[in-house]
Amino acid sequence: MQCGFIGLGMLGARMARQVLEAGHDLKVFDLDPAAVEKLVAKGATGAASAMEAANQVDVLITCLPSPDASLKVMTGTDGVFDAMREGSCWIEMSTTDANEMIRLAGLAAERGIEVLECPATGGVHRAARGEMTLLVGGDESLFRRHADLLETLSGQVVYMGKVGNASLIKVITNLLCLVDLVAMGEALMLAKRGGLDLAKCYEAITASSGSSREFEDWAPVILNGSLNTGFTTDLGLKDLGFVTDMGRRLDVPLQLTTVAQKMLQASRERYGGEAWTAHVVKMMEEATGETLRAPGFDEVIPNE
């Protein structure tokens, strides 16, 4: 197929490369020219604008950092809806608000553009290993038509039903991983203060009922000191904002979410929004005067 891809960040670049490796023609655009050049070197065609990336393609994939960025790209002054042809498909991989996703899908439908929302979950650690999961919302027949393409992007694809459902479950998964991050920091600090070998603790926890995907992937970046979760504090707070808004709309008390949100807000005030989410654990280290380090844990996110 003729594909366009807009948004070549840590996740988007890996996904775009997988589209290329599956044999599809691909036009790419990002505000960072270096990110575009890396894909051009692998066989993609560089686009001079988002509209050019969307012009005359069968499928346009976007993987953008925020709902505001997605809104600007799709409907702004040079919005790509105006460049996409009738009958083409927009695949939105960005994490966004479910209601906003429904609204944008309605705008696309008015132009004859079909829509699948496909937020990815699992983190860039697993993206580098081809183990991401795509959560898909949209018309089921459209999903079936593009299933082969989606399977090239991900180790697992879960169809969630109508547009909006995938955005909702995606922020729920991010709620769980961020609460887990706070919990793992506290757990490792207890182990350190209790005199335990932290490398042995990692081995014990990952073999126990206390393990999780996030602990397996994120505890190593705490223990090696890089704190590189591949997920910034600003992005974490954006997702928790979606969750708390939904909690209010659906009348669900979210006490743990609120605690995690306040801790990440304090981390942002201290280290900045572009700091990795694991800086919330660094804040615990500074409060106790302890460092959570252990040998044998290398950086786990490949550079390429």
C-alpha atoms as a PDB file:
ATOM      1  CA  MET A   1       0.000   0.000   0.000  1.00  0.00           C
ATOM      2  CA  GLN A   2       0.873   3.651  -0.285  1.00  0.00           C
ATOM      3  CA  CYS A   3       1.330   4.785   3.319  1.00  0.00           C
ATOM      4  CA  GLY A   4       2.113   8.060   5.024  1.00  0.00           C
ATOM      5  CA  PHE A   5       3.514   8.386   8.540  1.00  0.00           C
ATOM      6  CA  ILE A   6       3.566  11.557  10.640  1.00  0.00           C
ATOM      7  CA  GLY A   7       5.379  11.622  13.995  1.00  0.00           C
ATOM      8  CA  LEU A   8       8.771   9.934  14.220  1.00  0.00           C
ATOM      9  CA  GLY A   9       9.484  10.023  17.937  1.00  0.00           C
ATOM     10  CA  MET A  10      10.842   7.081  19.889  1.00  0.00           C
ATOM     11  CA  LEU A  11       7.788   4.946  19.172  1.00  0.00           C
ATOM     12  CA  GLY A  12       6.760   6.366  15.802  1.00  0.00           C
ATOM     13  CA  ALA A  13      10.184   5.863  14.228  1.00  0.00           C
ATOM     14  CA  ARG A  14      10.174   2.196  15.170  1.00  0.00           C
ATOM     15  CA  MET A  15       6.652   1.702  13.864  1.00  0.00           C
ATOM     16  CA  ALA A  16       7.439   3.499  10.594  1.00  0.00           C
ATOM     17  CA  ARG A  17      10.462   1.268  10.104  1.00  0.00           C
ATOM     18  CA  GLN A  18       8.254  -1.801  10.487  1.00  0.00           C
ATOM     19  CA  VAL A  19       5.900  -0.481   7.776  1.00  0.00           C
ATOM     20  CA  LEU A  20       8.907  -0.195   5.464  1.00  0.00           C
ATOM     21  CA  GLU A  21      10.201  -3.634   6.347  1.00  0.00           C
ATOM     22  CA  ALA A  22       6.793  -5.088   5.468  1.00  0.00           C
ATOM     23  CA  GLY A  23       7.281  -3.830   1.900  1.00  0.00           C
ATOM     24  CA  HIS A  24       4.886  -0.863   1.821  1.00  0.00           C
ATOM     25  CA  ASP A  25       5.724   2.420   0.090  1.00  0.00           C
ATOM     26  CA  LEU A  26       6.115   5.035   2.798  1.00  0.00           C
ATOM     27  CA  LYS A  27       6.237   8.830   2.968  1.00  0.00           C
ATOM     28  CA  VAL A  28       7.349  10.242   6.322  1.00  0.00           C
ATOM     29  CA  PHE A  29       7.206  13.623   8.040  1.00  0.00           C
ATOM     30  CA  ASP A  30       8.376  14.951  11.382  1.00  0.00           C
ATOM     31  CA  LEU A  31       9.323  18.380  12.688  1.00  0.00           C
ATOM     32  CA  ASP A  32      12.806  16.932  13.309  1.00  0.00           C
ATOM     33  CA  PRO A  33      14.552  16.633   9.911  1.00  0.00           C
ATOM     34  CA  ALA A  34      17.084  14.178  11.370  1.00  0.00           C
ATOM     35  CA  ALA A  35      14.296  11.737  12.214  1.00  0.00           C
ATOM     36  CA  VAL A  36      13.045  11.945   8.628  1.00  0.00           C
ATOM     37  CA  GLU A  37      16.540  11.393   7.214  1.00  0.00           C
ATOM     38  CA  LYS A  38      17.000   8.209   9.236  1.00  0.00           C
ATOM     39  CA  LEU A  39      13.905   6.722   7.601  1.00  0.00           C
ATOM     40  CA  VAL A  40      14.861   8.031   4.159  1.00  0.00           C
ATOM     41  CA  ALA A  41      18.161   6.182   4.533  1.00  0.00           C
ATOM     42  CA  LYS A  42      16.147   2.995   5.035  1.00  0.00           C
ATOM     43  CA  GLY A  43      14.020   3.498   1.932  1.00  0.00           C
ATOM     44  CA  ALA A  44      11.242   5.905   2.875  1.00  0.00           C
ATOM     45  CA  THR A  45      10.405   9.077   0.948  1.00  0.00           C
ATOM     46  CA  GLY A  46      10.792  12.272   2.950  1.00  0.00           C
ATOM     47  CA  ALA A  47       7.861  14.710   2.872  1.00  0.00           C
ATOM     48  CA  ALA A  48       8.319  18.459   3.207  1.00  0.00           C
ATOM     49  CA  SER A  49       5.099  18.850   5.209  1.00  0.00           C
ATOM     50  CA  ALA A  50       2.417  16.873   6.969  1.00  0.00           C
ATOM     51  CA  MET A  51       0.049  17.574   4.076  1.00  0.00           C
ATOM     52  CA  GLU A  52       2.545  16.147   1.606  1.00  0.00           C
ATOM     53  CA  ALA A  53       2.883  13.005   3.722  1.00  0.00           C
ATOM     54  CA  ALA A  54      -0.911  12.593   3.629  1.00  0.00           C
ATOM     55  CA  ASN A  55      -1.421  13.320  -0.055  1.00  0.00           C
ATOM     56  CA  GLN A  56      -2.336  10.386  -2.321  1.00  0.00           C
ATOM     57  CA  VAL A  57      -1.891   7.682   0.291  1.00  0.00           C
ATOM     58  CA  ASP A  58      -4.123   4.713   1.031  1.00  0.00           C
ATOM     59  CA  VAL A  59      -3.347   4.859   4.745  1.00  0.00           C
ATOM     60  CA  LEU A  60      -2.058   7.703   6.904  1.00  0.00           C
ATOM     61  CA  ILE A  61      -0.601   6.768  10.301  1.00  0.00           C
ATOM     62  CA  THR A  62      -0.046   9.418  12.968  1.00  0.00           C
ATOM     63  CA  CYS A  63       1.916   8.925  16.175  1.00  0.00           C
ATOM     64  CA  LEU A  64       1.977  12.311  17.911  1.00  0.00           C
ATOM     65  CA  PRO A  65       2.817  13.434  21.453  1.00  0.00           C
ATOM     66  CA  SER A  66      -0.444  15.087  22.495  1.00  0.00           C
ATOM     67  CA  PRO A  67      -4.100  15.620  21.543  1.00  0.00           C
ATOM     68  CA  ASP A  68      -3.270  19.246  20.723  1.00  0.00           C
ATOM     69  CA  ALA A  69      -0.569  18.133  18.279  1.00  0.00           C
ATOM     70  CA  SER A  70      -2.945  15.668  16.655  1.00  0.00           C
ATOM     71  CA  LEU A  71      -5.698  18.273  16.377  1.00  0.00           C
ATOM     72  CA  LYS A  72      -3.320  20.779  14.778  1.00  0.00           C
ATOM     73  CA  VAL A  73      -1.952  18.257  12.286  1.00  0.00           C
ATOM     74  CA  MET A  74      -5.349  16.928  11.245  1.00  0.00           C
ATOM     75  CA  THR A  75      -7.538  20.060  11.293  1.00  0.00           C
ATOM     76  CA  GLY A  76      -5.277  23.123  11.559  1.00  0.00           C
ATOM     77  CA  THR A  77      -4.609  25.742   8.895  1.00  0.00           C
ATOM     78  CA  ASP A  78      -2.726  23.150   6.861  1.00  0.00           C
ATOM     79  CA  GLY A  79      -4.677  20.212   8.271  1.00  0.00           C
ATOM     80  CA  VAL A  80      -4.075  16.910   6.557  1.00  0.00           C
ATOM     81  CA  PHE A  81      -7.776  16.019   6.355  1.00  0.00           C
ATOM     82  CA  ASP A  82      -7.804  18.438   3.425  1.00  0.00           C
ATOM     83  CA  ALA A  83      -4.970  16.521   1.753  1.00  0.00           C
ATOM     84  CA  MET A  84      -6.338  12.997   2.212  1.00  0.00           C
ATOM     85  CA  ARG A  85      -8.396  11.474  -0.541  1.00  0.00           C
ATOM     86  CA  GLU A  86     -11.887  10.091  -0.109  1.00  0.00           C
ATOM     87  CA  GLY A  87     -11.814   6.397   0.766  1.00  0.00           C
ATOM     88  CA  SER A  88      -8.406   6.550   2.444  1.00  0.00           C
ATOM     89  CA  CYS A  89      -7.892   5.505   6.060  1.00  0.00           C
ATOM     90  CA  TRP A  90      -6.446   7.434   8.984  1.00  0.00           C
ATOM     91  CA  ILE A  91      -4.827   5.260  11.655  1.00  0.00           C
ATOM     92  CA  GLU A  92      -4.316   7.309  14.831  1.00  0.00           C
ATOM     93  CA  MET A  93      -1.711   5.788  17.147  1.00  0.00           C
ATOM     94  CA  SER A  94      -1.457   8.784  19.478  1.00  0.00           C
ATOM     95  CA  THR A  95      -2.801   8.546  23.018  1.00  0.00           C
ATOM     96  CA  THR A  96      -5.739  10.918  23.207  1.00  0.00           C
ATOM     97  CA  ASP A  97      -9.019  11.622  24.975  1.00  0.00           C
ATOM     98  CA  ALA A  98     -11.786   9.201  23.961  1.00  0.00           C
ATOM     99  CA  ASN A  99     -14.334  11.969  23.347  1.00  0.00           C
ATOM    100  CA  GLU A 100     -11.870  13.940  21.215  1.00  0.00           C
ATOM    101  CA  MET A 101     -11.125  10.808  19.200  1.00  0.00           C
ATOM    102  CA  ILE A 102     -14.835  10.318  18.539  1.00  0.00           C
ATOM    103  CA  ARG A 103     -15.170  13.961  17.459  1.00  0.00           C
ATOM    104  CA  LEU A 104     -12.215  13.763  15.059  1.00  0.00           C
ATOM    105  CA  ALA A 105     -13.522  10.512  13.584  1.00  0.00           C
ATOM    106  CA  GLY A 106     -16.791  12.333  12.866  1.00  0.00           C
ATOM    107  CA  LEU A 107     -14.934  15.132  11.060  1.00  0.00           C
ATOM    108  CA  ALA A 108     -13.049  12.550   9.016  1.00  0.00           C
ATOM    109  CA  ALA A 109     -16.255  10.741   8.085  1.00  0.00           C
ATOM    110  CA  GLU A 110     -17.695  13.991   6.712  1.00  0.00           C
ATOM    111  CA  ARG A 111     -14.803  13.961   4.221  1.00  0.00           C
ATOM    112  CA  GLY A 112     -15.193  10.286   3.340  1.00  0.00           C
ATOM    113  CA  ILE A 113     -12.096   9.296   5.335  1.00  0.00           C
ATOM    114  CA  GLU A 114     -12.258   6.084   7.353  1.00  0.00           C
ATOM    115  CA  VAL A 115     -10.714   5.952  10.827  1.00  0.00           C
ATOM    116  CA  LEU A 116      -9.095   3.414  13.120  1.00  0.00           C
ATOM    117  CA  GLU A 117      -7.749   4.449  16.506  1.00  0.00           C
ATOM    118  CA  CYS A 118      -4.789   2.233  17.356  1.00  0.00           C
ATOM    119  CA  PRO A 119      -2.916   3.441  20.447  1.00  0.00           C
ATOM    120  CA  ALA A 120       0.065   1.259  21.228  1.00  0.00           C
ATOM    121  CA  THR A 121       0.808  -0.077  24.681  1.00  0.00           C
ATOM    122  CA  GLY A 122       3.773  -1.883  26.176  1.00  0.00           C
ATOM    123  CA  GLY A 123       6.393   0.880  26.122  1.00  0.00           C
ATOM    124  CA  VAL A 124       9.342   1.595  23.855  1.00  0.00           C
ATOM    125  CA  HIS A 125      11.302  -1.189  25.532  1.00  0.00           C
ATOM    126  CA  ARG A 126       8.930  -3.725  24.017  1.00  0.00           C
ATOM    127  CA  ALA A 127       8.550  -1.756  20.781  1.00  0.00           C
ATOM    128  CA  ALA A 128      12.274  -2.258  20.198  1.00  0.00           C
ATOM    129  CA  ARG A 129      11.700  -6.014  20.489  1.00  0.00           C
ATOM    130  CA  GLY A 130       8.583  -6.017  18.288  1.00  0.00           C
ATOM    131  CA  GLU A 131       6.392  -6.856  21.292  1.00  0.00           C
ATOM    132  CA  MET A 132       4.031  -3.883  21.396  1.00  0.00           C
ATOM    133  CA  THR A 133       0.277  -4.374  21.638  1.00  0.00           C
ATOM    134  CA  LEU A 134      -2.099  -2.333  19.494  1.00  0.00           C
ATOM    135  CA  LEU A 135      -5.508  -1.503  20.954  1.00  0.00           C
ATOM    136  CA  VAL A 136      -7.893  -0.933  18.066  1.00  0.00           C
ATOM    137  CA  GLY A 137     -11.185   0.943  17.890  1.00  0.00           C
ATOM    138  CA  GLY A 138     -13.316   1.451  14.818  1.00  0.00           C
ATOM    139  CA  ASP A 139     -15.587  -0.318  12.371  1.00  0.00           C
ATOM    140  CA  GLU A 140     -14.882  -4.048  12.541  1.00  0.00           C
ATOM    141  CA  SER A 141     -14.906  -4.568   8.774  1.00  0.00           C
ATOM    142  CA  LEU A 142     -12.363  -1.732   8.395  1.00  0.00           C
ATOM    143  CA  PHE A 143     -10.238  -3.329  11.099  1.00  0.00           C
ATOM    144  CA  ARG A 144     -10.336  -6.655   9.232  1.00  0.00           C
ATOM    145  CA  ARG A 145      -9.283  -4.969   5.975  1.00  0.00           C
ATOM    146  CA  HIS A 146      -6.209  -3.479   7.618  1.00  0.00           C
ATOM    147  CA  ALA A 147      -5.396  -6.348   9.972  1.00  0.00           C
ATOM    148  CA  ASP A 148      -2.310  -7.402   7.990  1.00  0.00           C
ATOM    149  CA  LEU A 149      -0.818  -3.906   8.212  1.00  0.00           C
ATOM    150  CA  LEU A 150      -1.579  -3.651  11.914  1.00  0.00           C
ATOM    151  CA  GLU A 151       0.034  -7.011  12.559  1.00  0.00           C
ATOM    152  CA  THR A 152       3.271  -5.764  10.975  1.00  0.00           C
ATOM    153  CA  LEU A 153       3.316  -2.999  13.594  1.00  0.00           C
ATOM    154  CA  SER A 154       2.733  -5.102  16.653  1.00  0.00           C
ATOM    155  CA  GLY A 155       3.239  -8.443  18.306  1.00  0.00           C
ATOM    156  CA  GLN A 156      -0.411  -8.453  19.383  1.00  0.00           C
ATOM    157  CA  VAL A 157      -3.552  -6.662  18.203  1.00  0.00           C
ATOM    158  CA  VAL A 158      -6.660  -6.396  20.396  1.00  0.00           C
ATOM    159  CA  TYR A 159      -9.883  -5.165  18.784  1.00  0.00           C
ATOM    160  CA  MET A 160     -11.850  -3.177  21.380  1.00  0.00           C
ATOM    161  CA  GLY A 161     -14.980  -2.235  19.390  1.00  0.00           C
ATOM    162  CA  LYS A 162     -16.178   1.234  18.399  1.00  0.00           C
ATOM    163  CA  VAL A 163     -14.030   4.365  18.112  1.00  0.00           C
ATOM    164  CA  GLY A 164     -13.301   5.733  21.587  1.00  0.00           C
ATOM    165  CA  ASN A 165     -13.007   2.351  23.275  1.00  0.00           C
ATOM    166  CA  ALA A 166      -9.315   1.943  22.442  1.00  0.00           C
ATOM    167  CA  SER A 167      -8.458   5.424  23.727  1.00  0.00           C
ATOM    168  CA  LEU A 168     -10.259   4.655  26.976  1.00  0.00           C
ATOM    169  CA  ILE A 169      -8.498   1.346  27.625  1.00  0.00           C
ATOM    170  CA  LYS A 170      -5.129   2.864  26.655  1.00  0.00           C
ATOM    171  CA  VAL A 171      -5.233   5.497  29.388  1.00  0.00           C
ATOM    172  CA  ILE A 172      -6.440   2.837  31.821  1.00  0.00           C
ATOM    173  CA  THR A 173      -3.323   0.775  31.037  1.00  0.00           C
ATOM    174  CA  ASN A 174      -1.167   3.873  31.575  1.00  0.00           C
ATOM    175  CA  LEU A 175      -2.881   4.489  34.903  1.00  0.00           C
ATOM    176  CA  LEU A 176      -1.859   0.980  35.991  1.00  0.00           C
ATOM    177  CA  CYS A 177       1.758   1.361  34.848  1.00  0.00           C
ATOM    178  CA  LEU A 178       2.247   4.727  36.590  1.00  0.00           C
ATOM    179  CA  VAL A 179       0.757   3.523  39.866  1.00  0.00           C
ATOM    180  CA  ASP A 180       3.064   0.493  39.494  1.00  0.00           C
ATOM    181  CA  LEU A 181       6.065   2.806  39.031  1.00  0.00           C
ATOM    182  CA  VAL A 182       5.370   4.570  42.316  1.00  0.00           C
ATOM    183  CA  ALA A 183       4.830   1.231  44.060  1.00  0.00           C
ATOM    184  CA  MET A 184       8.064  -0.272  42.717  1.00  0.00           C
ATOM    185  CA  GLY A 185      10.039   2.713  43.980  1.00  0.00           C
ATOM    186  CA  GLU A 186       8.611   2.273  47.451  1.00  0.00           C
ATOM    187  CA  ALA A 187       9.163  -1.504  47.333  1.00  0.00           C
ATOM    188  CA  LEU A 188      12.803  -1.172  46.267  1.00  0.00           C
ATOM    189  CA  MET A 189      13.395   1.448  48.947  1.00  0.00           C
ATOM    190  CA  LEU A 190      12.011  -0.906  51.594  1.00  0.00           C
ATOM    191  CA  ALA A 191      14.329  -3.617  50.307  1.00  0.00           C
ATOM    192  CA  LYS A 192      17.340  -1.271  50.371  1.00  0.00           C
ATOM    193  CA  ARG A 193      16.639  -0.046  53.898  1.00  0.00           C
ATOM    194  CA  GLY A 194      16.064  -3.652  54.953  1.00  0.00           C
ATOM    195  CA  GLY A 195      19.571  -4.578  53.835  1.00  0.00           C
ATOM    196  CA  LEU A 196      18.592  -6.760  50.868  1.00  0.00           C
ATOM    197  CA  ASP A 197      20.642  -7.230  47.686  1.00  0.00           C
ATOM    198  CA  LEU A 198      18.631  -5.289  45.074  1.00  0.00           C
ATOM    199  CA  ALA A 199      19.742  -7.511  42.182  1.00  0.00           C
ATOM    200  CA  LYS A 200      18.488 -10.527  44.108  1.00  0.00           C
ATOM    201  CA  CYS A 201      15.282  -8.636  44.887  1.00  0.00           C
ATOM    202  CA  TYR A 202      14.714  -8.090  41.157  1.00  0.00           C
ATOM    203  CA  GLU A 203      15.183 -11.802  40.539  1.00  0.00           C
ATOM    204  CA  ALA A 204      12.802 -12.705  43.366  1.00  0.00           C
ATOM    205  CA  ILE A 205      10.088 -10.210  42.429  1.00  0.00           C
ATOM    206  CA  THR A 206      10.068 -11.088  38.722  1.00  0.00           C
ATOM    207  CA  ALA A 207       9.600 -14.738  39.724  1.00  0.00           C
ATOM    208  CA  SER A 208       6.764 -13.894  42.130  1.00  0.00           C
ATOM    209  CA  SER A 209       3.127 -12.833  42.162  1.00  0.00           C
ATOM    210  CA  GLY A 210       4.349  -9.259  42.675  1.00  0.00           C
ATOM    211  CA  SER A 211       5.841  -9.015  39.202  1.00  0.00           C
ATOM    212  CA  SER A 212       4.428  -7.045  36.278  1.00  0.00           C
ATOM    213  CA  ARG A 213       5.494  -5.956  32.814  1.00  0.00           C
ATOM    214  CA  GLU A 214       6.331  -2.535  34.192  1.00  0.00           C
ATOM    215  CA  PHE A 215       8.456  -3.931  36.993  1.00  0.00           C
ATOM    216  CA  GLU A 216      10.340  -6.168  34.554  1.00  0.00           C
ATOM    217  CA  ASP A 217      11.038  -3.261  32.183  1.00  0.00           C
ATOM    218  CA  TRP A 218      11.315  -0.269  34.516  1.00  0.00           C
ATOM    219  CA  ALA A 219      13.009  -1.602  37.654  1.00  0.00           C
ATOM    220  CA  PRO A 220      16.238  -2.177  35.627  1.00  0.00           C
ATOM    221  CA  VAL A 221      16.399   1.505  34.586  1.00  0.00           C
ATOM    222  CA  ILE A 222      16.026   2.506  38.227  1.00  0.00           C
ATOM    223  CA  LEU A 223      18.700   0.046  39.298  1.00  0.00           C
ATOM    224  CA  ASN A 224      21.139   1.126  36.555  1.00  0.00           C
ATOM    225  CA  GLY A 225      20.556   4.805  37.321  1.00  0.00           C
ATOM    226  CA  SER A 226      19.516   5.866  33.807  1.00  0.00           C
ATOM    227  CA  LEU A 227      15.844   6.272  34.806  1.00  0.00           C
ATOM    228  CA  ASN A 228      15.088   5.914  31.096  1.00  0.00           C
ATOM    229  CA  THR A 229      11.534   4.622  30.943  1.00  0.00           C
ATOM    230  CA  GLY A 230      11.130   6.157  27.483  1.00  0.00           C
ATOM    231  CA  PHE A 231       8.123   7.999  28.936  1.00  0.00           C
ATOM    232  CA  THR A 232       8.366  11.617  30.073  1.00  0.00           C
ATOM    233  CA  THR A 233       6.737  13.049  33.171  1.00  0.00           C
ATOM    234  CA  ASP A 234       4.666  15.445  31.042  1.00  0.00           C
ATOM    235  CA  LEU A 235       3.275  12.533  29.035  1.00  0.00           C
ATOM    236  CA  GLY A 236       2.501  10.612  32.207  1.00  0.00           C
ATOM    237  CA  LEU A 237       0.648  13.561  33.682  1.00  0.00           C
ATOM    238  CA  LYS A 238      -1.240  14.081  30.421  1.00  0.00           C
ATOM    239  CA  ASP A 239      -2.550  10.513  30.630  1.00  0.00           C
ATOM    240  CA  LEU A 240      -3.392  10.766  34.322  1.00  0.00           C
ATOM    241  CA  GLY A 241      -5.293  13.949  33.491  1.00  0.00           C
ATOM    242  CA  PHE A 242      -7.425  11.988  31.021  1.00  0.00           C
ATOM    243  CA  VAL A 243      -8.025   9.354  33.703  1.00  0.00           C
ATOM    244  CA  THR A 244      -9.068  11.781  36.417  1.00  0.00           C
ATOM    245  CA  ASP A 245     -11.392  13.568  33.985  1.00  0.00           C
ATOM    246  CA  MET A 246     -13.020  10.244  33.166  1.00  0.00           C
ATOM    247  CA  GLY A 247     -13.260   9.414  36.845  1.00  0.00           C
ATOM    248  CA  ARG A 248     -15.239  12.601  37.427  1.00  0.00           C
ATOM    249  CA  ARG A 249     -17.484  12.007  34.396  1.00  0.00           C
ATOM    250  CA  LEU A 250     -18.162   8.388  35.347  1.00  0.00           C
ATOM    251  CA  ASP A 251     -18.371   9.049  39.090  1.00  0.00           C
ATOM    252  CA  VAL A 252     -15.529   6.658  39.951  1.00  0.00           C
ATOM    253  CA  PRO A 253     -13.371   7.610  42.989  1.00  0.00           C
ATOM    254  CA  LEU A 254      -9.697   7.300  41.989  1.00  0.00           C
ATOM    255  CA  GLN A 255      -7.727   7.573  45.203  1.00  0.00           C
ATOM    256  CA  LEU A 256      -4.540   5.780  44.074  1.00  0.00           C
ATOM    257  CA  THR A 257      -4.575   7.683  40.788  1.00  0.00           C
ATOM    258  CA  THR A 258      -4.766  10.971  42.668  1.00  0.00           C
ATOM    259  CA  VAL A 259      -1.773  10.065  44.859  1.00  0.00           C
ATOM    260  CA  ALA A 260       0.318   9.026  41.838  1.00  0.00           C
ATOM    261  CA  GLN A 261      -0.690  12.206  40.000  1.00  0.00           C
ATOM    262  CA  LYS A 262       0.388  14.416  42.913  1.00  0.00           C
ATOM    263  CA  MET A 263       3.737  12.620  43.165  1.00  0.00           C
ATOM    264  CA  LEU A 264       4.409  13.034  39.450  1.00  0.00           C
ATOM    265  CA  GLN A 265       3.442  16.714  39.684  1.00  0.00           C
ATOM    266  CA  ALA A 266       5.991  17.149  42.477  1.00  0.00           C
ATOM    267  CA  SER A 267       8.570  15.345  40.338  1.00  0.00           C
ATOM    268  CA  ARG A 268       7.862  17.697  37.421  1.00  0.00           C
ATOM    269  CA  GLU A 269       8.307  20.728  39.669  1.00  0.00           C
ATOM    270  CA  ARG A 270      11.704  19.413  40.752  1.00  0.00           C
ATOM    271  CA  TYR A 271      13.131  17.897  37.571  1.00  0.00           C
ATOM    272  CA  GLY A 272      11.025  19.292  34.724  1.00  0.00           C
ATOM    273  CA  GLY A 273       8.380  17.792  32.472  1.00  0.00           C
ATOM    274  CA  GLU A 274      10.872  16.300  30.011  1.00  0.00           C
ATOM    275  CA  ALA A 275      12.476  14.168  32.736  1.00  0.00           C
ATOM    276  CA  TRP A 276      11.666  10.468  32.553  1.00  0.00           C
ATOM    277  CA  THR A 277       8.774   9.313  34.734  1.00  0.00           C
ATOM    278  CA  ALA A 278      11.188   7.321  36.925  1.00  0.00           C
ATOM    279  CA  HIS A 279      12.403  10.607  38.383  1.00  0.00           C
ATOM    280  CA  VAL A 280       9.500  10.164  40.784  1.00  0.00           C
ATOM    281  CA  VAL A 281      11.671   7.405  42.303  1.00  0.00           C
ATOM    282  CA  LYS A 282      14.717   9.697  42.307  1.00  0.00           C
ATOM    283  CA  MET A 283      12.608  12.006  44.458  1.00  0.00           C
ATOM    284  CA  MET A 284      12.226   9.116  46.936  1.00  0.00           C
ATOM    285  CA  GLU A 285      15.999   8.587  46.871  1.00  0.00           C
ATOM    286  CA  GLU A 286      16.658  12.215  47.704  1.00  0.00           C
ATOM    287  CA  ALA A 287      14.098  12.139  50.511  1.00  0.00           C
ATOM    288  CA  THR A 288      15.781   9.142  52.152  1.00  0.00           C
ATOM    289  CA  GLY A 289      19.429   9.733  51.214  1.00  0.00           C
ATOM    290  CA  GLU A 290      19.529   6.244  49.681  1.00  0.00           C
ATOM    291  CA  THR A 291      20.351   5.259  46.077  1.00  0.00           C
ATOM    292  CA  LEU A 292      18.686   2.272  44.457  1.00  0.00           C
ATOM    293  CA  ARG A 293      21.530   0.813  42.391  1.00  0.00           C
ATOM    294  CA  ALA A 294      22.637  -2.702  41.564  1.00  0.00           C
ATOM    295  CA  PRO A 295      25.226  -4.096  39.126  1.00  0.00           C
ATOM    296  CA  GLY A 296      24.321  -6.024  35.992  1.00  0.00           C
ATOM    297  CA  PHE A 297      21.465  -3.897  34.690  1.00  0.00           C
ATOM    298  CA  ASP A 298      22.384  -2.419  31.314  1.00  0.00           C
ATOM    299  CA  GLU A 299      20.436   0.209  29.417  1.00  0.00           C
ATOM    300  CA  VAL A 300      17.471  -1.645  27.947  1.00  0.00           C
ATOM    301  CA  ILE A 301      16.224   0.692  25.201  1.00  0.00           C
ATOM    302  CA  PRO A 302      18.339   0.242  22.040  1.00  0.00           C
ATOM    303  CA  ASN A 303      19.435   3.433  20.291  1.00  0.00           C
ATOM    304  CA  GLU A 304      18.173   2.178  16.933  1.00  0.00           C
END
